[in-house]
Amino acid sequence: MTFLAAPESIIDRSTPRQRSVMPGFGLSLGYTLLYLSLIVLIPLAGVFFKAADLGPQQLWNVVTSPRVASALQLSFGAALVAATVNAFFGLLVAWVFVRYDFFGKKLLDATIDLPFALPTAVAGIALTALYSGNGWVGQFLEPLGIKVAFTPLGVIVAMTFIGLPFVVRTVQPVLEEAEKELEEAAASLGATRWQTITRVILPAVLPALLTGTTLAFARAVGEYGSIIFIAGNLPGISEIAPLLIIIKLEEFDYAGATTVAATMLVISFGLLLLINLLQAWTRKRQGAKA
């Protein structure tokens, strides 16, 4: 018996699979999602599930209680003020490091990173000793009616201390890559120094400045160690939300602690989302102008 060969036109000649531009993307994505789930997503979900044990009315009562509301207001308000201060002075410090050469520049540049390396408790003790009534700085401020230690102002000082490196280290590389020729061209066309700063320099560094300010704000909101020593921790006056969470845990009020934590997460996420949208709008506007 003879078998007829199938016509060549009907033979399945499937095209070879194209290789992905990023080899191992599927496996890498799986590991990434697993890692993020174990480290970030599942713990955060656990906070919300634990807080949900109270019920809507009890949740509202905890969040709107005077002590919790005051602590949240202080944490987010002080963090916003500290981030704003760091946005201005961080840009100034980065500008000095990039554009000027002076004696001790490398030492000062390395000092900026100290808040990253110092234990937060050490920073808190140092700030308290410095700004207390008999401290090196506090002894001159208190006669003027400015009390820093054990007040909300001390909270802002501590948050500013730990947030400054985020702004400087984010803006500094952008300033180093900025073209000085644009500034010289603006000056040659008759622009004043203020016009050069606002129309040439600031638009170029604004996305990086917003990023650094966001990081400083996020770091300040969750800061604990460097604040509890200088804040005084007076309920309704200088008590921050992270400290209130610790207090509730020590009182075995786990549902109340997770409620405060969940509230901080929601507010922080909303603010960070708003800032990220502002950054995206800024980049889009700059791209349209270019």
Protein backbone atom coordinates (compact mmCIF):
# COMPACT_ATOMS: atom_id res chain seq x y z
CA MET A 1 0.00 0.00 0.00
CA THR A 2 1.35 3.37 -0.95
CA PHE A 3 0.79 6.55 0.99
CA LEU A 4 0.42 9.81 -0.77
CA ALA A 5 2.46 12.65 0.60
CA ALA A 6 0.43 15.57 1.83
CA PRO A 7 0.66 18.66 -0.27
CA GLU A 8 3.27 21.07 0.91
CA SER A 9 0.66 23.81 1.18
CA ILE A 10 -1.24 22.09 3.99
CA ILE A 11 1.81 21.17 6.07
CA ASP A 12 1.76 23.06 9.35
CA ARG A 13 4.66 25.40 9.32
CA SER A 14 4.06 27.35 12.50
CA THR A 15 6.20 30.40 12.93
CA PRO A 16 8.72 30.22 15.75
CA ARG A 17 7.80 32.09 18.93
CA GLN A 18 9.34 35.49 19.22
CA ARG A 19 11.67 35.92 22.11
CA SER A 20 10.73 38.54 24.66
CA VAL A 21 12.77 41.68 24.75
CA MET A 22 13.11 41.12 28.53
CA PRO A 23 14.07 37.47 29.11
CA GLY A 24 12.48 35.93 32.16
CA PHE A 25 9.92 38.70 32.52
CA GLY A 26 7.13 36.35 33.59
CA LEU A 27 9.24 34.73 36.31
CA SER A 28 10.63 38.07 37.48
CA LEU A 29 7.14 39.55 37.66
CA GLY A 30 5.94 36.57 39.69
CA TYR A 31 8.77 36.92 42.21
CA THR A 32 8.16 40.67 42.40
CA LEU A 33 4.45 40.28 43.13
CA LEU A 34 5.15 37.54 45.68
CA TYR A 35 7.77 39.66 47.45
CA LEU A 36 5.58 42.76 47.51
CA SER A 37 2.64 40.73 48.77
CA LEU A 38 4.59 39.22 51.66
CA ILE A 39 6.41 42.41 52.64
CA VAL A 40 3.91 45.18 51.84
CA LEU A 41 0.44 44.21 50.66
CA ILE A 42 -0.47 41.45 53.13
CA PRO A 43 0.72 43.37 56.25
CA LEU A 44 -1.17 46.48 55.13
CA ALA A 45 -4.27 44.44 54.40
CA GLY A 46 -3.96 42.92 57.87
CA VAL A 47 -4.06 46.41 59.39
CA PHE A 48 -7.34 47.22 57.64
CA PHE A 49 -8.89 43.84 58.49
CA LYS A 50 -7.98 44.23 62.15
CA ALA A 51 -9.38 47.76 62.24
CA ALA A 52 -12.59 46.53 60.64
CA ASP A 53 -13.36 44.50 63.78
CA LEU A 54 -14.64 47.65 65.47
CA GLY A 55 -17.43 48.41 63.04
CA PRO A 56 -18.14 51.68 61.20
CA GLN A 57 -19.50 53.63 64.16
CA GLN A 58 -16.70 52.66 66.52
CA LEU A 59 -14.12 53.36 63.82
CA TRP A 60 -15.54 56.86 63.41
CA ASN A 61 -15.56 57.41 67.16
CA VAL A 62 -11.89 56.45 67.45
CA VAL A 63 -10.76 58.60 64.52
CA THR A 64 -12.74 61.65 65.61
CA SER A 65 -11.81 61.45 69.28
CA PRO A 66 -10.00 64.64 70.38
CA ARG A 67 -6.75 62.88 71.24
CA VAL A 68 -6.49 60.95 67.96
CA ALA A 69 -7.56 63.93 65.85
CA SER A 70 -4.98 66.14 67.58
CA ALA A 71 -2.20 63.56 67.05
CA LEU A 72 -3.06 63.14 63.37
CA GLN A 73 -3.23 66.88 62.88
CA LEU A 74 0.17 67.37 64.47
CA SER A 75 1.83 64.54 62.54
CA PHE A 76 0.61 65.58 59.11
CA GLY A 77 0.68 69.34 59.74
CA ALA A 78 4.21 69.30 61.13
CA ALA A 79 5.37 66.99 58.33
CA LEU A 80 3.94 69.37 55.73
CA VAL A 81 5.64 72.37 57.33
CA ALA A 82 8.95 70.49 57.63
CA ALA A 83 8.77 69.32 54.01
CA THR A 84 8.10 72.89 52.85
CA VAL A 85 11.07 74.20 54.83
CA ASN A 86 13.27 71.45 53.41
CA ALA A 87 12.09 72.21 49.87
CA PHE A 88 13.46 75.75 50.15
CA PHE A 89 16.62 75.15 52.14
CA GLY A 90 17.33 71.80 50.48
CA LEU A 91 17.34 73.51 47.07
CA LEU A 92 19.60 76.23 48.46
CA VAL A 93 22.05 73.71 49.96
CA ALA A 94 22.16 71.66 46.76
CA TRP A 95 22.77 74.84 44.75
CA VAL A 96 25.71 75.82 46.96
CA PHE A 97 27.26 72.34 46.75
CA VAL A 98 26.96 72.23 42.95
CA ARG A 99 27.86 75.79 41.94
CA TYR A 100 30.51 76.84 44.48
CA ASP A 101 33.86 75.53 45.67
CA PHE A 102 34.95 76.35 49.20
CA PHE A 103 37.04 74.99 52.03
CA GLY A 104 35.38 72.04 53.81
CA LYS A 105 32.89 71.40 51.00
CA LYS A 106 33.40 67.63 50.99
CA LEU A 107 33.03 67.45 54.76
CA LEU A 108 29.76 69.39 54.69
CA ASP A 109 28.55 67.32 51.76
CA ALA A 110 29.14 64.14 53.76
CA THR A 111 27.45 65.66 56.82
CA ILE A 112 24.18 65.97 54.90
CA ASP A 113 23.87 62.17 54.96
CA LEU A 114 24.18 61.92 58.76
CA PRO A 115 20.40 61.66 59.33
CA PHE A 116 20.49 58.51 57.16
CA ALA A 117 23.19 56.89 59.28
CA LEU A 118 22.34 58.10 62.78
CA PRO A 119 19.97 56.02 64.89
CA THR A 120 16.82 58.06 65.31
CA ALA A 121 17.08 57.94 69.10
CA VAL A 122 20.55 59.48 68.94
CA ALA A 123 19.23 62.28 66.75
CA GLY A 124 16.37 62.90 69.17
CA ILE A 125 18.65 63.09 72.19
CA ALA A 126 21.05 65.41 70.37
CA LEU A 127 18.26 67.75 69.28
CA THR A 128 16.77 67.80 72.79
CA ALA A 129 20.13 68.64 74.35
CA LEU A 130 20.67 71.36 71.77
CA TYR A 131 17.25 73.06 71.95
CA SER A 132 16.30 72.55 75.61
CA GLY A 133 16.15 75.51 77.97
CA ASN A 134 19.79 75.12 79.01
CA GLY A 135 21.03 73.84 75.63
CA TRP A 136 23.52 75.54 73.35
CA VAL A 137 20.78 77.04 71.18
CA GLY A 138 17.77 76.88 73.48
CA GLN A 139 19.34 79.09 76.12
CA PHE A 140 19.38 81.95 73.62
CA LEU A 141 15.91 81.28 72.17
CA GLU A 142 13.89 80.98 75.36
CA PRO A 143 14.66 84.56 76.56
CA LEU A 144 13.16 85.66 73.23
CA GLY A 145 9.99 83.69 73.96
CA ILE A 146 10.83 80.89 71.51
CA LYS A 147 10.57 77.50 73.17
CA VAL A 148 11.55 74.60 70.94
CA ALA A 149 12.00 71.51 73.11
CA PHE A 150 8.83 69.81 74.35
CA THR A 151 6.57 71.79 72.02
CA PRO A 152 5.10 71.25 68.52
CA LEU A 153 7.95 73.41 67.22
CA GLY A 154 10.35 70.73 68.42
CA VAL A 155 8.42 68.19 66.36
CA ILE A 156 8.90 70.34 63.26
CA VAL A 157 12.62 70.73 63.98
CA ALA A 158 13.09 66.96 64.30
CA MET A 159 11.12 66.30 61.10
CA THR A 160 13.14 68.92 59.26
CA PHE A 161 16.38 67.32 60.45
CA ILE A 162 15.54 63.85 59.18
CA GLY A 163 14.01 65.08 55.89
CA LEU A 164 16.68 67.45 54.58
CA PRO A 165 18.90 64.79 52.92
CA PHE A 166 16.02 63.56 50.75
CA VAL A 167 15.64 66.95 49.08
CA VAL A 168 19.37 67.66 48.73
CA ARG A 169 20.25 64.26 47.28
CA THR A 170 17.34 64.35 44.85
CA VAL A 171 17.95 67.86 43.53
CA GLN A 172 21.76 67.80 43.50
CA PRO A 173 22.23 65.45 40.49
CA VAL A 174 19.73 67.46 38.43
CA LEU A 175 21.58 70.70 39.14
CA GLU A 176 24.87 69.05 38.20
CA GLU A 177 23.44 68.09 34.80
CA ALA A 178 21.77 71.44 34.20
CA GLU A 179 23.27 73.43 31.33
CA LYS A 180 24.92 76.62 32.53
CA GLU A 181 24.77 77.93 28.99
CA LEU A 182 21.02 78.45 29.38
CA GLU A 183 21.61 80.73 32.35
CA GLU A 184 24.29 82.64 30.45
CA ALA A 185 21.98 82.97 27.45
CA ALA A 186 19.18 84.29 29.65
CA ALA A 187 21.54 86.83 31.21
CA SER A 188 22.82 87.92 27.81
CA LEU A 189 19.24 88.51 26.66
CA GLY A 190 18.68 90.89 29.54
CA ALA A 191 16.98 88.63 32.07
CA THR A 192 17.41 89.54 35.70
CA ARG A 193 18.76 87.01 38.20
CA TRP A 194 15.27 86.44 39.59
CA GLN A 195 13.86 85.84 36.09
CA THR A 196 16.66 83.38 35.38
CA ILE A 197 15.89 81.47 38.57
CA THR A 198 12.12 81.35 38.09
CA ARG A 199 12.02 80.75 34.33
CA VAL A 200 15.18 78.76 33.61
CA ILE A 201 16.51 77.03 36.72
CA LEU A 202 13.35 76.28 38.72
CA PRO A 203 11.38 74.63 35.87
CA ALA A 204 14.33 72.29 35.23
CA VAL A 205 14.62 71.15 38.84
CA LEU A 206 10.92 71.28 39.79
CA PRO A 207 10.15 67.55 39.19
CA ALA A 208 13.18 66.51 41.27
CA LEU A 209 12.30 69.08 43.93
CA LEU A 210 8.75 67.73 44.18
CA THR A 211 10.11 64.19 44.44
CA GLY A 212 12.52 65.09 47.22
CA THR A 213 9.83 67.05 49.07
CA THR A 214 7.47 64.08 48.81
CA LEU A 215 10.09 61.72 50.21
CA ALA A 216 10.84 64.14 53.05
CA PHE A 217 7.14 64.44 53.85
CA ALA A 218 6.59 60.68 53.83
CA ARG A 219 9.63 60.14 56.04
CA ALA A 220 8.50 62.80 58.51
CA VAL A 221 4.96 61.44 58.86
CA GLY A 222 6.22 58.07 60.04
CA GLU A 223 9.11 59.34 62.15
CA TYR A 224 9.12 58.21 65.77
CA GLY A 225 12.53 57.86 67.42
CA SER A 226 13.92 61.36 66.89
CA ILE A 227 10.62 63.05 67.84
CA ILE A 228 9.59 61.44 71.12
CA PHE A 229 12.59 62.90 72.97
CA ILE A 230 12.11 66.49 71.86
CA ALA A 231 8.30 66.57 71.59
CA GLY A 232 7.39 66.23 75.24
CA ASN A 233 4.55 63.86 74.25
CA LEU A 234 1.77 65.86 75.90
CA PRO A 235 -1.66 64.53 74.78
CA GLY A 236 -3.45 67.07 72.65
CA ILE A 237 -0.37 69.30 72.40
CA SER A 238 2.80 67.52 71.27
CA GLU A 239 1.76 63.89 70.91
CA ILE A 240 2.30 62.43 67.43
CA ALA A 241 0.22 59.68 65.85
CA PRO A 242 2.99 56.99 65.80
CA LEU A 243 3.46 57.46 69.56
CA LEU A 244 -0.30 57.17 70.10
CA ILE A 245 -0.24 53.86 68.22
CA ILE A 246 2.49 52.57 70.55
CA ILE A 247 0.50 53.71 73.59
CA LYS A 248 -2.63 51.90 72.39
CA LEU A 249 -0.62 48.74 71.78
CA GLU A 250 0.79 48.91 75.31
CA GLU A 251 -2.79 49.21 76.56
CA PHE A 252 -3.72 46.10 74.52
CA ASP A 253 -6.10 48.21 72.43
CA TYR A 254 -5.07 46.51 69.20
CA ALA A 255 -8.19 47.52 67.28
CA GLY A 256 -7.70 51.17 68.25
CA ALA A 257 -4.02 51.07 67.30
CA THR A 258 -4.76 49.56 63.89
CA THR A 259 -7.55 52.11 63.37
CA VAL A 260 -5.11 54.98 63.86
CA ALA A 261 -2.57 53.21 61.64
CA ALA A 262 -5.15 52.61 58.91
CA THR A 263 -6.21 56.25 59.05
CA MET A 264 -2.59 57.34 58.62
CA LEU A 265 -2.22 54.97 55.67
CA VAL A 266 -5.30 56.33 53.92
CA ILE A 267 -4.33 59.97 54.45
CA SER A 268 -0.71 59.34 53.44
CA PHE A 269 -1.73 57.45 50.31
CA GLY A 270 -4.14 60.20 49.30
CA LEU A 271 -1.54 62.94 49.77
CA LEU A 272 1.18 60.99 47.97
CA LEU A 273 -1.20 60.23 45.10
CA LEU A 274 -2.04 63.92 44.83
CA ILE A 275 1.65 64.85 44.78
CA ASN A 276 2.41 62.20 42.15
CA LEU A 277 -0.40 63.54 39.95
CA LEU A 278 1.09 67.01 40.37
CA GLN A 279 4.49 65.67 39.32
CA ALA A 280 3.00 63.99 36.26
CA TRP A 281 1.19 67.21 35.33
CA THR A 282 4.41 69.18 35.73
CA ARG A 283 6.36 66.79 33.47
CA LYS A 284 3.59 66.82 30.88
CA ARG A 285 3.50 70.61 30.88
CA GLN A 286 7.28 70.81 30.48
CA GLY A 287 7.15 68.28 27.64
CA ALA A 288 4.48 70.30 25.88
CA LYS A 289 6.57 73.47 26.16
CA ALA A 290 9.61 71.64 24.80
